[in-house]
């Protein structure tokens, strides 16, 4: 009797997708925290704007 490999493949792919999602979320969190700290060091606050295109900047 031969075991069906499909359940194992589905589990491996699901775990890989979760690992990638966690890594992306970690990088995004690091970027936002870094941006916040850079703005705070300049005594400013971060601002996202869609005026004249998408911009991310530090403002007073």
PDB file of N, CA and C in Angstrom:
ATOM      1  N   UNK A   1       0.850  -1.178   0.000  1.00  0.00           N
ATOM      2  CA  UNK A   1       0.000   0.000   0.000  1.00  0.00           C
ATOM      3  C   UNK A   1       0.901   1.249   0.000  1.00  0.00           C
ATOM      4  N   UNK A   2       0.541   2.254  -0.808  1.00  0.00           N
ATOM      5  CA  UNK A   2       1.311   3.483  -0.925  1.00  0.00           C
ATOM      6  C   UNK A   2       0.519   4.621  -0.291  1.00  0.00           C
ATOM      7  N   UNK A   3       1.190   5.397   0.538  1.00  0.00           N
ATOM      8  CA  UNK A   3       0.528   6.521   1.198  1.00  0.00           C
ATOM      9  C   UNK A   3       0.345   7.671   0.214  1.00  0.00           C
ATOM     10  N   UNK A   4      -0.718   8.422   0.405  1.00  0.00           N
ATOM     11  CA  UNK A   4      -1.001   9.586  -0.443  1.00  0.00           C
ATOM     12  C   UNK A   4      -0.127  10.755   0.018  1.00  0.00           C
ATOM     13  N   UNK A   5       0.730  11.304  -0.852  1.00  0.00           N
ATOM     14  CA  UNK A   5       1.635  12.385  -0.443  1.00  0.00           C
ATOM     15  C   UNK A   5       0.957  13.764  -0.392  1.00  0.00           C
ATOM     16  N   UNK A   6      -0.259  13.889  -0.899  1.00  0.00           N
ATOM     17  CA  UNK A   6      -0.922  15.199  -0.977  1.00  0.00           C
ATOM     18  C   UNK A   6      -1.056  15.898   0.381  1.00  0.00           C
ATOM     19  N   UNK A   7      -1.523  15.212   1.444  1.00  0.00           N
ATOM     20  CA  UNK A   7      -1.631  15.917   2.739  1.00  0.00           C
ATOM     21  C   UNK A   7      -0.287  16.467   3.229  1.00  0.00           C
ATOM     22  N   UNK A   8       0.781  15.734   3.004  1.00  0.00           N
ATOM     23  CA  UNK A   8       2.109  16.198   3.439  1.00  0.00           C
ATOM     24  C   UNK A   8       2.532  17.418   2.627  1.00  0.00           C
ATOM     25  N   UNK A   9       2.279  17.393   1.340  1.00  0.00           N
ATOM     26  CA  UNK A   9       2.624  18.521   0.474  1.00  0.00           C
ATOM     27  C   UNK A   9       1.837  19.762   0.890  1.00  0.00           C
ATOM     28  N   UNK A  10       0.549  19.601   1.185  1.00  0.00           N
ATOM     29  CA  UNK A  10      -0.289  20.726   1.603  1.00  0.00           C
ATOM     30  C   UNK A  10       0.225  21.317   2.915  1.00  0.00           C
ATOM     31  N   UNK A  11       0.607  20.476   3.859  1.00  0.00           N
ATOM     32  CA  UNK A  11       1.114  20.956   5.147  1.00  0.00           C
ATOM     33  C   UNK A  11       2.434  21.695   4.950  1.00  0.00           C
ATOM     34  N   UNK A  12       3.335  21.156   4.156  1.00  0.00           N
ATOM     35  CA  UNK A  12       4.633  21.798   3.926  1.00  0.00           C
ATOM     36  C   UNK A  12       4.456  23.159   3.259  1.00  0.00           C
ATOM     37  N   UNK A  13       3.597  23.228   2.252  1.00  0.00           N
ATOM     38  CA  UNK A  13       3.354  24.506   1.566  1.00  0.00           C
ATOM     39  C   UNK A  13       2.695  25.508   2.513  1.00  0.00           C
ATOM     40  N   UNK A  14       1.752  25.045   3.329  1.00  0.00           N
ATOM     41  CA  UNK A  14       1.086  25.941   4.290  1.00  0.00           C
ATOM     42  C   UNK A  14       2.078  26.509   5.297  1.00  0.00           C
ATOM     43  N   UNK A  15       2.957  25.665   5.811  1.00  0.00           N
ATOM     44  CA  UNK A  15       3.965  26.123   6.782  1.00  0.00           C
ATOM     45  C   UNK A  15       4.913  27.116   6.117  1.00  0.00           C
ATOM     46  N   UNK A  16       5.315  26.848   4.879  1.00  0.00           N
ATOM     47  CA  UNK A  16       6.203  27.766   4.162  1.00  0.00           C
ATOM     48  C   UNK A  16       5.531  29.119   3.956  1.00  0.00           C
ATOM     49  N   UNK A  17       4.250  29.121   3.626  1.00  0.00           N
ATOM     50  CA  UNK A  17       3.534  30.388   3.428  1.00  0.00           C
ATOM     51  C   UNK A  17       3.430  31.173   4.737  1.00  0.00           C
ATOM     52  N   UNK A  18       3.223  30.481   5.840  1.00  0.00           N
ATOM     53  CA  UNK A  18       3.157  31.149   7.145  1.00  0.00           C
ATOM     54  C   UNK A  18       4.509  31.758   7.496  1.00  0.00           C
ATOM     55  N   UNK A  19       5.587  31.028   7.247  1.00  0.00           N
ATOM     56  CA  UNK A  19       6.930  31.534   7.537  1.00  0.00           C
ATOM     57  C   UNK A  19       7.209  32.791   6.719  1.00  0.00           C
ATOM     58  N   UNK A  20       6.849  32.794   5.450  1.00  0.00           N
ATOM     59  CA  UNK A  20       7.057  33.970   4.596  1.00  0.00           C
ATOM     60  C   UNK A  20       6.220  35.141   5.096  1.00  0.00           C
ATOM     61  N   UNK A  21       4.968  34.901   5.458  1.00  0.00           N
ATOM     62  CA  UNK A  21       4.101  35.978   5.952  1.00  0.00           C
ATOM     63  C   UNK A  21       4.654  36.590   7.237  1.00  0.00           C
ATOM     64  N   UNK A  22       5.151  35.765   8.135  1.00  0.00           N
ATOM     65  CA  UNK A  22       5.729  36.266   9.392  1.00  0.00           C
ATOM     66  C   UNK A  22       6.984  37.091   9.111  1.00  0.00           C
ATOM     67  N   UNK A  23       7.807  36.651   8.165  1.00  0.00           N
ATOM     68  CA  UNK A  23       9.019  37.400   7.818  1.00  0.00           C
ATOM     69  C   UNK A  23       8.668  38.757   7.219  1.00  0.00           C
ATOM     70  N   UNK A  24       7.694  38.800   6.332  1.00  0.00           N
ATOM     71  CA  UNK A  24       7.273  40.063   5.715  1.00  0.00           C
ATOM     72  C   UNK A  24       6.713  41.008   6.769  1.00  0.00           C
ATOM     73  N   UNK A  25       5.901  40.484   7.677  1.00  0.00           N
ATOM     74  CA  UNK A  25       5.346  41.320   8.743  1.00  0.00           C
ATOM     75  C   UNK A  25       6.456  41.858   9.641  1.00  0.00           C
ATOM     76  N   UNK A  26       7.454  41.047   9.915  1.00  0.00           N
ATOM     77  CA  UNK A  26       8.583  41.498  10.735  1.00  0.00           C
ATOM     78  C   UNK A  26       9.357  42.619  10.066  1.00  0.00           C
ATOM     79  N   UNK A  27       9.607  42.494   8.768  1.00  0.00           N
ATOM     80  CA  UNK A  27      10.330  43.541   8.035  1.00  0.00           C
ATOM     81  C   UNK A  27       9.507  44.823   8.002  1.00  0.00           C
ATOM     82  N   UNK A  28       8.200  44.713   7.755  1.00  0.00           N
ATOM     83  CA  UNK A  28       7.338  45.901   7.716  1.00  0.00           C
ATOM     84  C   UNK A  28       7.316  46.597   9.075  1.00  0.00           C
ATOM     85  N   UNK A  29       7.233  45.824  10.131  1.00  0.00           N
ATOM     86  CA  UNK A  29       7.244  46.407  11.482  1.00  0.00           C
ATOM     87  C   UNK A  29       8.564  47.113  11.747  1.00  0.00           C
ATOM     88  N   UNK A  30       9.677  46.496  11.362  1.00  0.00           N
ATOM     89  CA  UNK A  30      10.990  47.106  11.556  1.00  0.00           C
ATOM     90  C   UNK A  30      11.082  48.435  10.800  1.00  0.00           C
ATOM     91  N   UNK A  31      10.576  48.472   9.563  1.00  0.00           N
ATOM     92  CA  UNK A  31      10.621  49.704   8.769  1.00  0.00           C
ATOM     93  C   UNK A  31       9.820  50.825   9.431  1.00  0.00           C
ATOM     94  N   UNK A  32       8.625  50.508   9.910  1.00  0.00           N
ATOM     95  CA  UNK A  32       7.783  51.534  10.539  1.00  0.00           C
ATOM     96  C   UNK A  32       8.420  52.034  11.827  1.00  0.00           C
ATOM     97  N   UNK A  33       8.937  51.150  12.646  1.00  0.00           N
ATOM     98  CA  UNK A  33       9.573  51.556  13.910  1.00  0.00           C
ATOM     99  C   UNK A  33      10.803  52.409  13.624  1.00  0.00           C
ATOM    100  N   UNK A  34      11.597  52.018  12.634  1.00  0.00           N
ATOM    101  CA  UNK A  34      12.772  52.806  12.269  1.00  0.00           C
ATOM    102  C   UNK A  34      12.379  54.194  11.794  1.00  0.00           C
ATOM    103  N   UNK A  35      11.367  54.264  10.939  1.00  0.00           N
ATOM    104  CA  UNK A  35      10.893  55.549  10.416  1.00  0.00           C
ATOM    105  C   UNK A  35      10.417  56.437  11.560  1.00  0.00           C
ATOM    106  N   UNK A  36       9.652  55.869  12.486  1.00  0.00           N
ATOM    107  CA  UNK A  36       9.171  56.622  13.646  1.00  0.00           C
ATOM    108  C   UNK A  36      10.360  57.164  14.442  1.00  0.00           C
ATOM    109  N   UNK A  37      11.368  56.343  14.697  1.00  0.00           N
ATOM    110  CA  UNK A  37      12.531  56.767  15.484  1.00  0.00           C
ATOM    111  C   UNK A  37      13.337  57.844  14.765  1.00  0.00           C
ATOM    112  N   UNK A  38      13.465  57.749  13.447  1.00  0.00           N
ATOM    113  CA  UNK A  38      14.173  58.783  12.686  1.00  0.00           C
ATOM    114  C   UNK A  38      13.453  60.114  12.808  1.00  0.00           C
ATOM    115  N   UNK A  39      12.132  60.098  12.660  1.00  0.00           N
ATOM    116  CA  UNK A  39      11.362  61.342  12.775  1.00  0.00           C
ATOM    117  C   UNK A  39      11.446  61.912  14.190  1.00  0.00           C
ATOM    118  N   UNK A  40      11.357  61.043  15.198  1.00  0.00           N
ATOM    119  CA  UNK A  40      11.433  61.506  16.582  1.00  0.00           C
ATOM    120  C   UNK A  40      12.802  62.107  16.890  1.00  0.00           C
ATOM    121  N   UNK A  41      13.859  61.580  16.299  1.00  0.00           N
ATOM    122  CA  UNK A  41      15.199  62.128  16.498  1.00  0.00           C
ATOM    123  C   UNK A  41      15.308  63.536  15.925  1.00  0.00           C
ATOM    124  N   UNK A  42      14.493  63.824  14.917  1.00  0.00           N
ATOM    125  CA  UNK A  42      14.457  65.158  14.321  1.00  0.00           C
ATOM    126  C   UNK A  42      13.403  66.043  14.988  1.00  0.00           C
ATOM    127  N   UNK A  43      12.814  65.553  16.086  1.00  0.00           N
ATOM    128  CA  UNK A  43      11.745  66.253  16.796  1.00  0.00           C
ATOM    129  C   UNK A  43      10.544  66.498  15.871  1.00  0.00           C
ATOM    130  N   UNK A  44      10.208  65.476  15.079  1.00  0.00           N
ATOM    131  CA  UNK A  44       9.101  65.555  14.138  1.00  0.00           C
ATOM    132  C   UNK A  44       8.255  64.287  14.257  1.00  0.00           C
ATOM    133  N   UNK A  45       7.184  64.215  13.460  1.00  0.00           N
ATOM    134  CA  UNK A  45       6.293  63.062  13.447  1.00  0.00           C
ATOM    135  C   UNK A  45       6.190  62.507  12.030  1.00  0.00           C
ATOM    136  N   UNK A  46       6.034  61.186  11.895  1.00  0.00           N
ATOM    137  CA  UNK A  46       5.888  60.611  10.558  1.00  0.00           C
ATOM    138  C   UNK A  46       4.517  60.915   9.970  1.00  0.00           C
ATOM    139  N   UNK A  47       4.467  61.098   8.665  1.00  0.00           N
ATOM    140  CA  UNK A  47       3.192  61.363   7.981  1.00  0.00           C
ATOM    141  C   UNK A  47       3.184  60.623   6.642  1.00  0.00           C
ATOM    142  N   UNK A  48       2.091  59.913   6.384  1.00  0.00           N
ATOM    143  CA  UNK A  48       1.855  59.324   5.079  1.00  0.00           C
ATOM    144  C   UNK A  48       0.871  60.222   4.353  1.00  0.00           C
ATOM    145  N   UNK A  49       1.134  60.521   3.097  1.00  0.00           N
ATOM    146  CA  UNK A  49       0.269  61.420   2.340  1.00  0.00           C
ATOM    147  C   UNK A  49       0.085  60.887   0.920  1.00  0.00           C
ATOM    148  N   UNK A  50      -1.083  61.168   0.353  1.00  0.00           N
ATOM    149  CA  UNK A  50      -1.327  60.824  -1.051  1.00  0.00           C
ATOM    150  C   UNK A  50      -1.439  62.083  -1.897  1.00  0.00           C
ATOM    151  N   UNK A  51      -1.099  63.220  -1.318  1.00  0.00           N
ATOM    152  CA  UNK A  51      -1.079  64.466  -2.091  1.00  0.00           C
ATOM    153  C   UNK A  51       0.116  64.423  -3.045  1.00  0.00           C
ATOM    154  N   UNK A  52      -0.108  64.698  -4.314  1.00  0.00           N
ATOM    155  CA  UNK A  52       0.955  64.678  -5.326  1.00  0.00           C
ATOM    156  C   UNK A  52       1.706  63.346  -5.338  1.00  0.00           C
ATOM    157  N   UNK A  53       0.961  62.253  -5.277  1.00  0.00           N
ATOM    158  CA  UNK A  53       1.586  60.938  -5.238  1.00  0.00           C
ATOM    159  C   UNK A  53       1.753  60.491  -3.799  1.00  0.00           C
ATOM    160  N   UNK A  54       2.142  59.260  -3.600  1.00  0.00           N
ATOM    161  CA  UNK A  54       2.313  58.729  -2.246  1.00  0.00           C
ATOM    162  C   UNK A  54       3.647  59.158  -1.684  1.00  0.00           C
ATOM    163  N   UNK A  55       3.617  59.764  -0.498  1.00  0.00           N
ATOM    164  CA  UNK A  55       4.844  60.188   0.153  1.00  0.00           C
ATOM    165  C   UNK A  55       4.837  59.772   1.628  1.00  0.00           C
ATOM    166  N   UNK A  56       6.003  59.491   2.135  1.00  0.00           N
ATOM    167  CA  UNK A  56       6.203  59.214   3.542  1.00  0.00           C
ATOM    168  C   UNK A  56       7.288  60.181   3.992  1.00  0.00           C
ATOM    169  N   UNK A  57       6.947  61.031   4.948  1.00  0.00           N
ATOM    170  CA  UNK A  57       7.901  62.066   5.363  1.00  0.00           C
ATOM    171  C   UNK A  57       7.730  62.379   6.831  1.00  0.00           C
ATOM    172  N   UNK A  58       8.650  63.147   7.350  1.00  0.00           N
ATOM    173  CA  UNK A  58       8.578  63.637   8.725  1.00  0.00           C
ATOM    174  C   UNK A  58       8.077  65.073   8.702  1.00  0.00           C
ATOM    175  N   UNK A  59       7.123  65.394   9.548  1.00  0.00           N
ATOM    176  CA  UNK A  59       6.559  66.755   9.609  1.00  0.00           C
ATOM    177  C   UNK A  59       6.542  67.222  11.046  1.00  0.00           C
ATOM    178  N   UNK A  60       6.382  68.508  11.223  1.00  0.00           N
ATOM    179  CA  UNK A  60       6.300  69.079  12.572  1.00  0.00           C
ATOM    180  C   UNK A  60       4.910  69.018  13.101  1.00  0.00           C
TER     181      UNK A  60
END
